[in-house]
Amino acid sequence: MSTTFAAGPVRVRVPATSANLGPGFDALGLALALYDDVAAEVTADGVTVTVTGEGAGDLPVDDNHLVVRAMRATFDELGGQPPGLAVECVNRIPQARGLGSSSAAIVAGVLLARALVTGGADRLDDAAVLRLAARIEGHPDNVAPCLLGGFTVAWTEPAGAQAVSLPVADGVHPTVLIPAERGLTAVARAALPASVPHGDAAFTAGRAALLVHALTTQPALLLPATLDRLHQHYRAPGMPETAALVERLRGAAVAAVVSGAGPTVLALSELPEGFDPGTNWQVLRLAIDVPGAQVGQGRLGHAERDPVAAGRKS
């Protein structure tokens, strides 16, 4: 099947995400209302990438940029590469902090490439987008909420990643506490043992099941529901400030967990009035993103080009 490309630019808004949520390791995720905006169009030749905001000056601005790599993988799925690409990124999701910046880039790239191919949505439906994005990322727990929005449960079948999005109950109030230091998912995963005690696995499975109920129906149960024995304590020595802040918050009856692989801390219930995490932490109270990634036509507008403002969805 021959591949033809859209003449004009397309854009996408992708939300930050927090994965694991304590006991839901590699399975549970939450979309948060903090967004990267990305636009792309087919050009006559070459690749140009501009980055504003988070990662500017650090991220590659050529074919090695993760958005472009995801676009290339998607064009391959759809039958052919364009002659050239121009990509503009306005990033607000902190890089390497456990808030899904890489998943946001991957989802953005897959959706942009699909939108730039004539008939792309018919040839690569949303279920296939999820499978492809998860294959590029390596696991589905962040790409699922980024794509679908809300609270997601993801799993992998032989054919690839699957996910469902569930509505979040009133009374869930996410706050992220972001340190200046960065962390790497690969390093955090390397701290995990090859096996865990059966009792710890059973304990964590029960809390993960309870967490689904707490997030969707009964937020009063969030504190016990977010207990984990599967991964957080193994990673704690590599990020002691994160572990200490989680313990401080939980001691104050706040349902706090490590966000993804860290080092950001996610609180799912209200912080105590006047709580001071210390000067090393940026505190952002964020709404839950409901629709997930949103695709539009045209270049980024003035609001999207602001690297600070969240702006409106496309």
C-alpha atoms as a PDB file:
ATOM      1  CA  MET A   1       0.000   0.000   0.000  1.00  0.00           C
ATOM      2  CA  SER A   2       1.467   3.370  -1.028  1.00  0.00           C
ATOM      3  CA  THR A   3       1.833   6.093   1.566  1.00  0.00           C
ATOM      4  CA  THR A   4       0.796   9.694   0.961  1.00  0.00           C
ATOM      5  CA  PHE A   5       1.264  12.491   3.467  1.00  0.00           C
ATOM      6  CA  ALA A   6      -0.834  15.418   4.676  1.00  0.00           C
ATOM      7  CA  ALA A   7       0.136  18.757   3.186  1.00  0.00           C
ATOM      8  CA  GLY A   8      -0.265  20.798   6.369  1.00  0.00           C
ATOM      9  CA  PRO A   9       1.030  20.635   9.933  1.00  0.00           C
ATOM     10  CA  VAL A  10      -0.617  18.735  12.774  1.00  0.00           C
ATOM     11  CA  ARG A  11      -0.263  19.157  16.520  1.00  0.00           C
ATOM     12  CA  VAL A  12      -0.839  17.103  19.645  1.00  0.00           C
ATOM     13  CA  ARG A  13      -1.146  17.832  23.352  1.00  0.00           C
ATOM     14  CA  VAL A  14       0.015  15.008  25.637  1.00  0.00           C
ATOM     15  CA  PRO A  15      -0.405  14.857  29.445  1.00  0.00           C
ATOM     16  CA  ALA A  16       2.078  14.002  32.142  1.00  0.00           C
ATOM     17  CA  THR A  17       1.495  10.678  33.840  1.00  0.00           C
ATOM     18  CA  SER A  18       2.314   8.946  37.090  1.00  0.00           C
ATOM     19  CA  ALA A  19       2.713   5.172  36.990  1.00  0.00           C
ATOM     20  CA  ASN A  20       2.665   2.414  39.623  1.00  0.00           C
ATOM     21  CA  LEU A  21       0.762   4.542  42.190  1.00  0.00           C
ATOM     22  CA  GLY A  22       2.359   2.444  44.908  1.00  0.00           C
ATOM     23  CA  PRO A  23       1.325  -1.205  44.571  1.00  0.00           C
ATOM     24  CA  GLY A  24       0.281  -1.150  40.892  1.00  0.00           C
ATOM     25  CA  PHE A  25       3.772  -1.802  39.533  1.00  0.00           C
ATOM     26  CA  ASP A  26       3.898  -1.680  35.710  1.00  0.00           C
ATOM     27  CA  ALA A  27       0.090  -1.783  35.598  1.00  0.00           C
ATOM     28  CA  LEU A  28      -1.628   1.296  37.066  1.00  0.00           C
ATOM     29  CA  GLY A  29      -1.264   4.868  35.863  1.00  0.00           C
ATOM     30  CA  LEU A  30      -2.849   8.297  36.171  1.00  0.00           C
ATOM     31  CA  ALA A  31      -2.945  11.139  33.634  1.00  0.00           C
ATOM     32  CA  LEU A  32      -2.193  14.569  35.070  1.00  0.00           C
ATOM     33  CA  ALA A  33      -3.062  18.024  33.726  1.00  0.00           C
ATOM     34  CA  LEU A  34       0.459  19.132  32.840  1.00  0.00           C
ATOM     35  CA  TYR A  35       1.137  19.078  29.125  1.00  0.00           C
ATOM     36  CA  ASP A  36       3.697  18.971  26.361  1.00  0.00           C
ATOM     37  CA  ASP A  37       2.598  20.458  23.038  1.00  0.00           C
ATOM     38  CA  VAL A  38       4.186  19.122  19.858  1.00  0.00           C
ATOM     39  CA  ALA A  39       3.616  20.017  16.202  1.00  0.00           C
ATOM     40  CA  ALA A  40       5.013  18.415  13.067  1.00  0.00           C
ATOM     41  CA  GLU A  41       4.793  18.659   9.313  1.00  0.00           C
ATOM     42  CA  VAL A  42       6.284  16.908   6.325  1.00  0.00           C
ATOM     43  CA  THR A  43       9.012  18.860   4.528  1.00  0.00           C
ATOM     44  CA  ALA A  44      11.019  18.417   1.347  1.00  0.00           C
ATOM     45  CA  ASP A  45      14.057  16.940   3.085  1.00  0.00           C
ATOM     46  CA  GLY A  46      16.030  16.744   6.318  1.00  0.00           C
ATOM     47  CA  VAL A  47      14.902  16.808   9.938  1.00  0.00           C
ATOM     48  CA  THR A  48      14.623  19.900  12.114  1.00  0.00           C
ATOM     49  CA  VAL A  49      13.567  19.860  15.758  1.00  0.00           C
ATOM     50  CA  THR A  50      13.057  22.858  18.041  1.00  0.00           C
ATOM     51  CA  VAL A  51      12.625  22.426  21.798  1.00  0.00           C
ATOM     52  CA  THR A  52      11.301  25.080  24.172  1.00  0.00           C
ATOM     53  CA  GLY A  53      10.909  24.680  27.919  1.00  0.00           C
ATOM     54  CA  GLU A  54      11.896  21.462  29.701  1.00  0.00           C
ATOM     55  CA  GLY A  55      14.877  19.797  28.060  1.00  0.00           C
ATOM     56  CA  ALA A  56      15.818  22.757  25.855  1.00  0.00           C
ATOM     57  CA  GLY A  57      19.546  22.647  25.252  1.00  0.00           C
ATOM     58  CA  ASP A  58      19.787  19.047  26.499  1.00  0.00           C
ATOM     59  CA  LEU A  59      17.563  17.017  24.197  1.00  0.00           C
ATOM     60  CA  PRO A  60      18.782  16.092  20.692  1.00  0.00           C
ATOM     61  CA  VAL A  61      17.406  18.152  17.808  1.00  0.00           C
ATOM     62  CA  ASP A  62      17.774  15.572  15.060  1.00  0.00           C
ATOM     63  CA  ASP A  63      16.644  12.019  14.287  1.00  0.00           C
ATOM     64  CA  ASN A  64      17.717  10.981  17.790  1.00  0.00           C
ATOM     65  CA  HIS A  65      14.938  12.996  19.439  1.00  0.00           C
ATOM     66  CA  LEU A  66      12.438  10.562  20.943  1.00  0.00           C
ATOM     67  CA  VAL A  67       9.458  12.180  19.213  1.00  0.00           C
ATOM     68  CA  VAL A  68      11.156  11.711  15.843  1.00  0.00           C
ATOM     69  CA  ARG A  69      12.176   8.141  16.674  1.00  0.00           C
ATOM     70  CA  ALA A  70       8.561   7.325  17.549  1.00  0.00           C
ATOM     71  CA  MET A  71       7.397   8.998  14.344  1.00  0.00           C
ATOM     72  CA  ARG A  72       9.857   6.939  12.309  1.00  0.00           C
ATOM     73  CA  ALA A  73       8.639   3.713  13.900  1.00  0.00           C
ATOM     74  CA  THR A  74       5.046   4.682  13.120  1.00  0.00           C
ATOM     75  CA  PHE A  75       5.790   5.635   9.501  1.00  0.00           C
ATOM     76  CA  ASP A  76       7.371   2.200   9.115  1.00  0.00           C
ATOM     77  CA  GLU A  77       4.141   0.640  10.401  1.00  0.00           C
ATOM     78  CA  LEU A  78       2.165   2.738   7.917  1.00  0.00           C
ATOM     79  CA  GLY A  79       4.263   1.863   4.894  1.00  0.00           C
ATOM     80  CA  GLY A  80       6.906   4.511   4.296  1.00  0.00           C
ATOM     81  CA  GLN A  81       8.965   7.477   5.469  1.00  0.00           C
ATOM     82  CA  PRO A  82       8.333  11.100   4.445  1.00  0.00           C
ATOM     83  CA  PRO A  83      11.080  13.046   2.618  1.00  0.00           C
ATOM     84  CA  GLY A  84      11.637  15.347   5.586  1.00  0.00           C
ATOM     85  CA  LEU A  85      10.200  16.478   8.916  1.00  0.00           C
ATOM     86  CA  ALA A  86       9.945  19.651  10.945  1.00  0.00           C
ATOM     87  CA  VAL A  87       9.032  19.165  14.617  1.00  0.00           C
ATOM     88  CA  GLU A  88       8.357  21.800  17.279  1.00  0.00           C
ATOM     89  CA  CYS A  89       8.203  20.789  20.967  1.00  0.00           C
ATOM     90  CA  VAL A  90       7.040  22.951  23.848  1.00  0.00           C
ATOM     91  CA  ASN A  91       7.752  20.893  26.953  1.00  0.00           C
ATOM     92  CA  ARG A  92       6.323  21.415  30.433  1.00  0.00           C
ATOM     93  CA  ILE A  93       6.632  17.859  31.762  1.00  0.00           C
ATOM     94  CA  PRO A  94       9.851  17.645  33.808  1.00  0.00           C
ATOM     95  CA  GLN A  95      12.452  15.392  32.236  1.00  0.00           C
ATOM     96  CA  ALA A  96      13.618  12.225  34.036  1.00  0.00           C
ATOM     97  CA  ARG A  97      11.535  12.886  37.153  1.00  0.00           C
ATOM     98  CA  GLY A  98       9.004  10.031  37.060  1.00  0.00           C
ATOM     99  CA  LEU A  99       6.215  11.995  35.355  1.00  0.00           C
ATOM    100  CA  GLY A 100       6.156  10.211  32.017  1.00  0.00           C
ATOM    101  CA  SER A 101       8.133  12.615  29.832  1.00  0.00           C
ATOM    102  CA  SER A 102       9.418   9.796  27.617  1.00  0.00           C
ATOM    103  CA  SER A 103       5.959   8.244  27.271  1.00  0.00           C
ATOM    104  CA  ALA A 104       4.542  11.654  26.364  1.00  0.00           C
ATOM    105  CA  ALA A 105       7.172  12.016  23.631  1.00  0.00           C
ATOM    106  CA  ILE A 106       6.449   8.526  22.309  1.00  0.00           C
ATOM    107  CA  VAL A 107       2.667   8.973  22.278  1.00  0.00           C
ATOM    108  CA  ALA A 108       3.090  12.383  20.639  1.00  0.00           C
ATOM    109  CA  GLY A 109       5.309  10.930  17.932  1.00  0.00           C
ATOM    110  CA  VAL A 110       3.012   8.006  17.161  1.00  0.00           C
ATOM    111  CA  LEU A 111      -0.091  10.204  16.972  1.00  0.00           C
ATOM    112  CA  LEU A 112       1.616  12.899  14.901  1.00  0.00           C
ATOM    113  CA  ALA A 113       2.902  10.386  12.381  1.00  0.00           C
ATOM    114  CA  ARG A 114      -0.509   8.732  12.128  1.00  0.00           C
ATOM    115  CA  ALA A 115      -2.135  12.135  11.539  1.00  0.00           C
ATOM    116  CA  LEU A 116       0.408  13.002   8.835  1.00  0.00           C
ATOM    117  CA  VAL A 117      -0.383   9.881   6.797  1.00  0.00           C
ATOM    118  CA  THR A 118      -3.474   9.994   4.620  1.00  0.00           C
ATOM    119  CA  GLY A 119      -5.900   7.452   6.077  1.00  0.00           C
ATOM    120  CA  GLY A 120      -3.539   6.817   8.982  1.00  0.00           C
ATOM    121  CA  ALA A 121      -6.304   6.449  11.565  1.00  0.00           C
ATOM    122  CA  ASP A 122      -7.941   3.717   9.487  1.00  0.00           C
ATOM    123  CA  ARG A 123      -4.664   1.838   9.115  1.00  0.00           C
ATOM    124  CA  LEU A 124      -3.541   2.258  12.741  1.00  0.00           C
ATOM    125  CA  ASP A 125      -6.438   2.429  15.189  1.00  0.00           C
ATOM    126  CA  ASP A 126      -6.169   3.516  18.831  1.00  0.00           C
ATOM    127  CA  ALA A 127      -5.607  -0.037  20.064  1.00  0.00           C
ATOM    128  CA  ALA A 128      -2.702  -0.379  17.630  1.00  0.00           C
ATOM    129  CA  VAL A 129      -1.342   3.010  18.748  1.00  0.00           C
ATOM    130  CA  LEU A 130      -1.253   1.745  22.333  1.00  0.00           C
ATOM    131  CA  ARG A 131       0.500  -1.466  21.311  1.00  0.00           C
ATOM    132  CA  LEU A 132       3.096   0.400  19.264  1.00  0.00           C
ATOM    133  CA  ALA A 133       3.738   3.046  21.928  1.00  0.00           C
ATOM    134  CA  ALA A 134       4.126   0.375  24.614  1.00  0.00           C
ATOM    135  CA  ARG A 135       6.497  -1.589  22.399  1.00  0.00           C
ATOM    136  CA  ILE A 136       8.683   1.494  21.914  1.00  0.00           C
ATOM    137  CA  GLU A 137       8.587   2.382  25.636  1.00  0.00           C
ATOM    138  CA  GLY A 138       8.993  -1.189  26.855  1.00  0.00           C
ATOM    139  CA  HIS A 139       5.956  -1.250  29.165  1.00  0.00           C
ATOM    140  CA  PRO A 140       2.431   0.227  29.003  1.00  0.00           C
ATOM    141  CA  ASP A 141       1.894   1.800  32.442  1.00  0.00           C
ATOM    142  CA  ASN A 142       2.712   5.384  31.346  1.00  0.00           C
ATOM    143  CA  VAL A 143       1.716   5.323  27.679  1.00  0.00           C
ATOM    144  CA  ALA A 144      -1.773   4.045  28.569  1.00  0.00           C
ATOM    145  CA  PRO A 145      -2.868   7.042  30.697  1.00  0.00           C
ATOM    146  CA  CYS A 146      -1.088   9.429  28.331  1.00  0.00           C
ATOM    147  CA  LEU A 147      -3.113   8.108  25.419  1.00  0.00           C
ATOM    148  CA  LEU A 148      -6.428   7.342  27.149  1.00  0.00           C
ATOM    149  CA  GLY A 149      -6.522   9.829  30.036  1.00  0.00           C
ATOM    150  CA  GLY A 150      -7.843   9.306  33.549  1.00  0.00           C
ATOM    151  CA  PHE A 151      -6.888   6.306  35.688  1.00  0.00           C
ATOM    152  CA  THR A 152      -5.762   3.332  33.644  1.00  0.00           C
ATOM    153  CA  VAL A 153      -5.150  -0.352  34.202  1.00  0.00           C
ATOM    154  CA  ALA A 154      -2.754  -1.801  31.626  1.00  0.00           C
ATOM    155  CA  TRP A 155      -1.587  -5.322  30.898  1.00  0.00           C
ATOM    156  CA  THR A 156       0.168  -7.195  28.110  1.00  0.00           C
ATOM    157  CA  GLU A 157      -1.267 -10.008  26.003  1.00  0.00           C
ATOM    158  CA  PRO A 158       0.743 -12.063  23.505  1.00  0.00           C
ATOM    159  CA  ALA A 159      -0.473  -9.653  20.823  1.00  0.00           C
ATOM    160  CA  GLY A 160       0.686  -6.602  22.792  1.00  0.00           C
ATOM    161  CA  ALA A 161      -0.424  -4.030  25.347  1.00  0.00           C
ATOM    162  CA  GLN A 162      -4.036  -3.592  26.415  1.00  0.00           C
ATOM    163  CA  ALA A 163      -5.564  -0.985  28.739  1.00  0.00           C
ATOM    164  CA  VAL A 164      -8.807   0.360  30.134  1.00  0.00           C
ATOM    165  CA  SER A 165      -9.478   3.848  31.483  1.00  0.00           C
ATOM    166  CA  LEU A 166     -11.642   4.202  34.583  1.00  0.00           C
ATOM    167  CA  PRO A 167     -13.303   7.332  36.009  1.00  0.00           C
ATOM    168  CA  VAL A 168     -11.694   8.779  39.129  1.00  0.00           C
ATOM    169  CA  ALA A 169     -13.834   9.527  42.175  1.00  0.00           C
ATOM    170  CA  ASP A 170     -14.277  13.013  43.557  1.00  0.00           C
ATOM    171  CA  GLY A 171     -11.969  13.427  46.503  1.00  0.00           C
ATOM    172  CA  VAL A 172      -8.799  12.332  44.716  1.00  0.00           C
ATOM    173  CA  HIS A 173      -6.510  15.373  44.717  1.00  0.00           C
ATOM    174  CA  PRO A 174      -3.125  14.739  43.089  1.00  0.00           C
ATOM    175  CA  THR A 175      -0.139  16.822  44.130  1.00  0.00           C
ATOM    176  CA  VAL A 176       3.341  16.225  42.753  1.00  0.00           C
ATOM    177  CA  LEU A 177       6.464  17.181  44.666  1.00  0.00           C
ATOM    178  CA  ILE A 178       9.308  17.447  42.166  1.00  0.00           C
ATOM    179  CA  PRO A 179      12.975  17.581  43.190  1.00  0.00           C
ATOM    180  CA  ALA A 180      15.704  19.326  41.247  1.00  0.00           C
ATOM    181  CA  GLU A 181      17.617  16.074  40.809  1.00  0.00           C
ATOM    182  CA  ARG A 182      16.854  13.781  37.906  1.00  0.00           C
ATOM    183  CA  GLY A 183      16.511  10.016  37.968  1.00  0.00           C
ATOM    184  CA  LEU A 184      16.749   7.323  35.314  1.00  0.00           C
ATOM    185  CA  THR A 185      14.177   4.557  34.948  1.00  0.00           C
ATOM    186  CA  ALA A 186      16.887   2.093  33.911  1.00  0.00           C
ATOM    187  CA  VAL A 187      18.816   2.751  37.118  1.00  0.00           C
ATOM    188  CA  ALA A 188      15.679   2.401  39.243  1.00  0.00           C
ATOM    189  CA  ARG A 189      14.767  -0.884  37.538  1.00  0.00           C
ATOM    190  CA  ALA A 190      18.277  -2.210  38.077  1.00  0.00           C
ATOM    191  CA  ALA A 191      17.728  -1.867  41.838  1.00  0.00           C
ATOM    192  CA  LEU A 192      14.886  -4.398  41.757  1.00  0.00           C
ATOM    193  CA  PRO A 193      15.568  -8.031  42.686  1.00  0.00           C
ATOM    194  CA  ALA A 194      14.869 -10.884  40.305  1.00  0.00           C
ATOM    195  CA  SER A 195      12.273 -12.299  42.748  1.00  0.00           C
ATOM    196  CA  VAL A 196      10.385 -11.182  45.835  1.00  0.00           C
ATOM    197  CA  PRO A 197       8.953 -13.133  48.789  1.00  0.00           C
ATOM    198  CA  HIS A 198       5.572 -14.690  48.118  1.00  0.00           C
ATOM    199  CA  GLY A 199       4.087 -12.861  51.114  1.00  0.00           C
ATOM    200  CA  ASP A 200       5.178  -9.477  49.742  1.00  0.00           C
ATOM    201  CA  ALA A 201       3.689 -10.286  46.328  1.00  0.00           C
ATOM    202  CA  ALA A 202       0.383 -11.358  47.897  1.00  0.00           C
ATOM    203  CA  PHE A 203       0.282  -8.267  50.122  1.00  0.00           C
ATOM    204  CA  THR A 204       0.921  -5.957  47.162  1.00  0.00           C
ATOM    205  CA  ALA A 205      -1.643  -7.678  44.942  1.00  0.00           C
ATOM    206  CA  GLY A 206      -4.303  -7.104  47.585  1.00  0.00           C
ATOM    207  CA  ARG A 207      -3.390  -3.439  47.938  1.00  0.00           C
ATOM    208  CA  ALA A 208      -3.386  -2.942  44.158  1.00  0.00           C
ATOM    209  CA  ALA A 209      -6.908  -4.357  43.975  1.00  0.00           C
ATOM    210  CA  LEU A 210      -7.971  -2.095  46.841  1.00  0.00           C
ATOM    211  CA  LEU A 211      -6.376   0.887  45.099  1.00  0.00           C
ATOM    212  CA  VAL A 212      -8.649   0.438  42.069  1.00  0.00           C
ATOM    213  CA  HIS A 213     -11.637   0.649  44.419  1.00  0.00           C
ATOM    214  CA  ALA A 214     -10.188   3.590  46.353  1.00  0.00           C
ATOM    215  CA  LEU A 215      -9.455   5.656  43.243  1.00  0.00           C
ATOM    216  CA  THR A 216     -12.777   4.988  41.555  1.00  0.00           C
ATOM    217  CA  THR A 217     -15.196   4.743  44.470  1.00  0.00           C
ATOM    218  CA  GLN A 218     -13.854   5.332  47.981  1.00  0.00           C
ATOM    219  CA  PRO A 219     -10.902   7.756  48.288  1.00  0.00           C
ATOM    220  CA  ALA A 220     -10.998   7.437  52.086  1.00  0.00           C
ATOM    221  CA  LEU A 221      -9.149   4.137  51.576  1.00  0.00           C
ATOM    222  CA  LEU A 222      -6.261   5.655  49.618  1.00  0.00           C
ATOM    223  CA  LEU A 223      -3.786   5.560  52.503  1.00  0.00           C
ATOM    224  CA  PRO A 224      -3.912   1.788  53.095  1.00  0.00           C
ATOM    225  CA  ALA A 225      -4.463   1.146  49.378  1.00  0.00           C
ATOM    226  CA  THR A 226      -1.158   2.769  48.381  1.00  0.00           C
ATOM    227  CA  LEU A 227       1.062   0.528  50.513  1.00  0.00           C
ATOM    228  CA  ASP A 228       3.600  -1.400  48.460  1.00  0.00           C
ATOM    229  CA  ARG A 229       6.131  -4.138  49.157  1.00  0.00           C
ATOM    230  CA  LEU A 230       7.112  -4.846  45.568  1.00  0.00           C
ATOM    231  CA  HIS A 231       9.436  -2.058  44.437  1.00  0.00           C
ATOM    232  CA  GLN A 232       9.595   1.174  46.451  1.00  0.00           C
ATOM    233  CA  HIS A 233      11.737  -0.023  49.348  1.00  0.00           C
ATOM    234  CA  TYR A 234      14.235  -1.633  46.977  1.00  0.00           C
ATOM    235  CA  ARG A 235      14.652   1.690  45.200  1.00  0.00           C
ATOM    236  CA  ALA A 236      14.783   3.800  48.372  1.00  0.00           C
ATOM    237  CA  PRO A 237      18.588   3.685  48.868  1.00  0.00           C
ATOM    238  CA  GLY A 238      19.060   5.239  45.427  1.00  0.00           C
ATOM    239  CA  MET A 239      16.785   8.200  46.231  1.00  0.00           C
ATOM    240  CA  PRO A 240      16.835   8.696  50.012  1.00  0.00           C
ATOM    241  CA  GLU A 241      15.273  12.167  49.945  1.00  0.00           C
ATOM    242  CA  THR A 242      12.309  10.836  47.974  1.00  0.00           C
ATOM    243  CA  ALA A 243      11.871   7.904  50.350  1.00  0.00           C
ATOM    244  CA  ALA A 244      12.096  10.191  53.380  1.00  0.00           C
ATOM    245  CA  LEU A 245       9.480  12.572  51.982  1.00  0.00           C
ATOM    246  CA  VAL A 246       7.097   9.696  51.211  1.00  0.00           C
ATOM    247  CA  GLU A 247       7.456   8.527  54.820  1.00  0.00           C
ATOM    248  CA  ARG A 248       6.898  12.049  56.192  1.00  0.00           C
ATOM    249  CA  LEU A 249       3.734  12.447  54.171  1.00  0.00           C
ATOM    250  CA  ARG A 250       2.388   9.009  55.013  1.00  0.00           C
ATOM    251  CA  GLY A 251       3.093   9.736  58.674  1.00  0.00           C
ATOM    252  CA  ALA A 252       0.814  12.754  58.251  1.00  0.00           C
ATOM    253  CA  ALA A 253      -1.936  10.468  56.824  1.00  0.00           C
ATOM    254  CA  VAL A 254      -1.283  11.519  53.204  1.00  0.00           C
ATOM    255  CA  ALA A 255      -1.508   8.778  50.546  1.00  0.00           C
ATOM    256  CA  ALA A 256       1.963   9.411  49.129  1.00  0.00           C
ATOM    257  CA  VAL A 257       3.958   7.191  46.757  1.00  0.00           C
ATOM    258  CA  VAL A 258       6.958   7.381  44.477  1.00  0.00           C
ATOM    259  CA  SER A 259       5.801   8.653  41.082  1.00  0.00           C
ATOM    260  CA  GLY A 260       6.861   6.084  38.496  1.00  0.00           C
ATOM    261  CA  ALA A 261      10.545   5.315  38.941  1.00  0.00           C
ATOM    262  CA  GLY A 262      11.001   8.565  40.877  1.00  0.00           C
ATOM    263  CA  PRO A 263      12.366  10.815  42.137  1.00  0.00           C
ATOM    264  CA  THR A 264       9.088  12.788  42.138  1.00  0.00           C
ATOM    265  CA  VAL A 265       6.628  12.088  44.952  1.00  0.00           C
ATOM    266  CA  LEU A 266       2.904  11.804  44.182  1.00  0.00           C
ATOM    267  CA  ALA A 267       0.322  12.553  46.872  1.00  0.00           C
ATOM    268  CA  LEU A 268      -3.213  11.413  46.089  1.00  0.00           C
ATOM    269  CA  SER A 269      -4.843  13.085  49.092  1.00  0.00           C
ATOM    270  CA  GLU A 270      -4.630  16.622  50.450  1.00  0.00           C
ATOM    271  CA  LEU A 271      -1.378  17.811  51.984  1.00  0.00           C
ATOM    272  CA  PRO A 272      -1.651  19.139  55.553  1.00  0.00           C
ATOM    273  CA  GLU A 273      -2.082  22.902  55.699  1.00  0.00           C
ATOM    274  CA  GLY A 274       1.280  24.580  55.817  1.00  0.00           C
ATOM    275  CA  PHE A 275       3.226  21.405  54.972  1.00  0.00           C
ATOM    276  CA  ASP A 276       6.773  22.335  53.941  1.00  0.00           C
ATOM    277  CA  PRO A 277       8.681  19.670  51.982  1.00  0.00           C
ATOM    278  CA  GLY A 278      11.866  21.769  51.981  1.00  0.00           C
ATOM    279  CA  THR A 279      13.552  24.058  49.486  1.00  0.00           C
ATOM    280  CA  ASN A 280      14.573  21.209  47.161  1.00  0.00           C
ATOM    281  CA  TRP A 281      11.003  20.459  46.144  1.00  0.00           C
ATOM    282  CA  GLN A 282       8.644  22.133  43.685  1.00  0.00           C
ATOM    283  CA  VAL A 283       5.022  21.498  44.678  1.00  0.00           C
ATOM    284  CA  LEU A 284       2.331  21.385  41.989  1.00  0.00           C
ATOM    285  CA  ARG A 285      -1.297  20.551  42.609  1.00  0.00           C
ATOM    286  CA  LEU A 286      -2.618  19.111  39.359  1.00  0.00           C
ATOM    287  CA  ALA A 287      -6.030  18.148  38.097  1.00  0.00           C
ATOM    288  CA  ILE A 288      -6.565  14.716  36.587  1.00  0.00           C
ATOM    289  CA  ASP A 289      -6.483  14.787  32.804  1.00  0.00           C
ATOM    290  CA  VAL A 290      -9.588  13.050  31.490  1.00  0.00           C
ATOM    291  CA  PRO A 291      -9.425  12.879  27.679  1.00  0.00           C
ATOM    292  CA  GLY A 292      -5.761  11.958  27.265  1.00  0.00           C
ATOM    293  CA  ALA A 293      -3.760  12.923  24.187  1.00  0.00           C
ATOM    294  CA  GLN A 294      -5.529  15.361  21.868  1.00  0.00           C
ATOM    295  CA  VAL A 295      -4.683  15.815  18.181  1.00  0.00           C
ATOM    296  CA  GLY A 296      -5.448  18.941  16.157  1.00  0.00           C
ATOM    297  CA  GLN A 297      -4.654  20.521  12.813  1.00  0.00           C
ATOM    298  CA  GLY A 298      -2.237  23.381  12.245  1.00  0.00           C
ATOM    299  CA  ARG A 299       0.842  24.726  13.950  1.00  0.00           C
ATOM    300  CA  LEU A 300       1.079  25.482  17.643  1.00  0.00           C
ATOM    301  CA  GLY A 301      -0.777  28.630  18.653  1.00  0.00           C
ATOM    302  CA  HIS A 302       0.360  31.320  21.055  1.00  0.00           C
ATOM    303  CA  ALA A 303      -0.919  29.474  24.143  1.00  0.00           C
ATOM    304  CA  GLU A 304       0.742  26.212  23.181  1.00  0.00           C
ATOM    305  CA  ARG A 305       4.064  27.984  22.604  1.00  0.00           C
ATOM    306  CA  ASP A 306       4.122  29.242  26.204  1.00  0.00           C
ATOM    307  CA  PRO A 307       6.427  26.796  28.044  1.00  0.00           C
ATOM    308  CA  VAL A 308       4.884  27.720  31.413  1.00  0.00           C
ATOM    309  CA  ALA A 309       1.127  27.912  30.917  1.00  0.00           C
ATOM    310  CA  ALA A 310      -0.848  24.688  30.756  1.00  0.00           C
ATOM    311  CA  GLY A 311      -3.231  26.236  28.231  1.00  0.00           C
ATOM    312  CA  ARG A 312      -6.301  24.627  26.765  1.00  0.00           C
ATOM    313  CA  LYS A 313      -6.466  21.359  24.953  1.00  0.00           C
ATOM    314  CA  SER A 314      -6.683  21.358  21.203  1.00  0.00           C
END
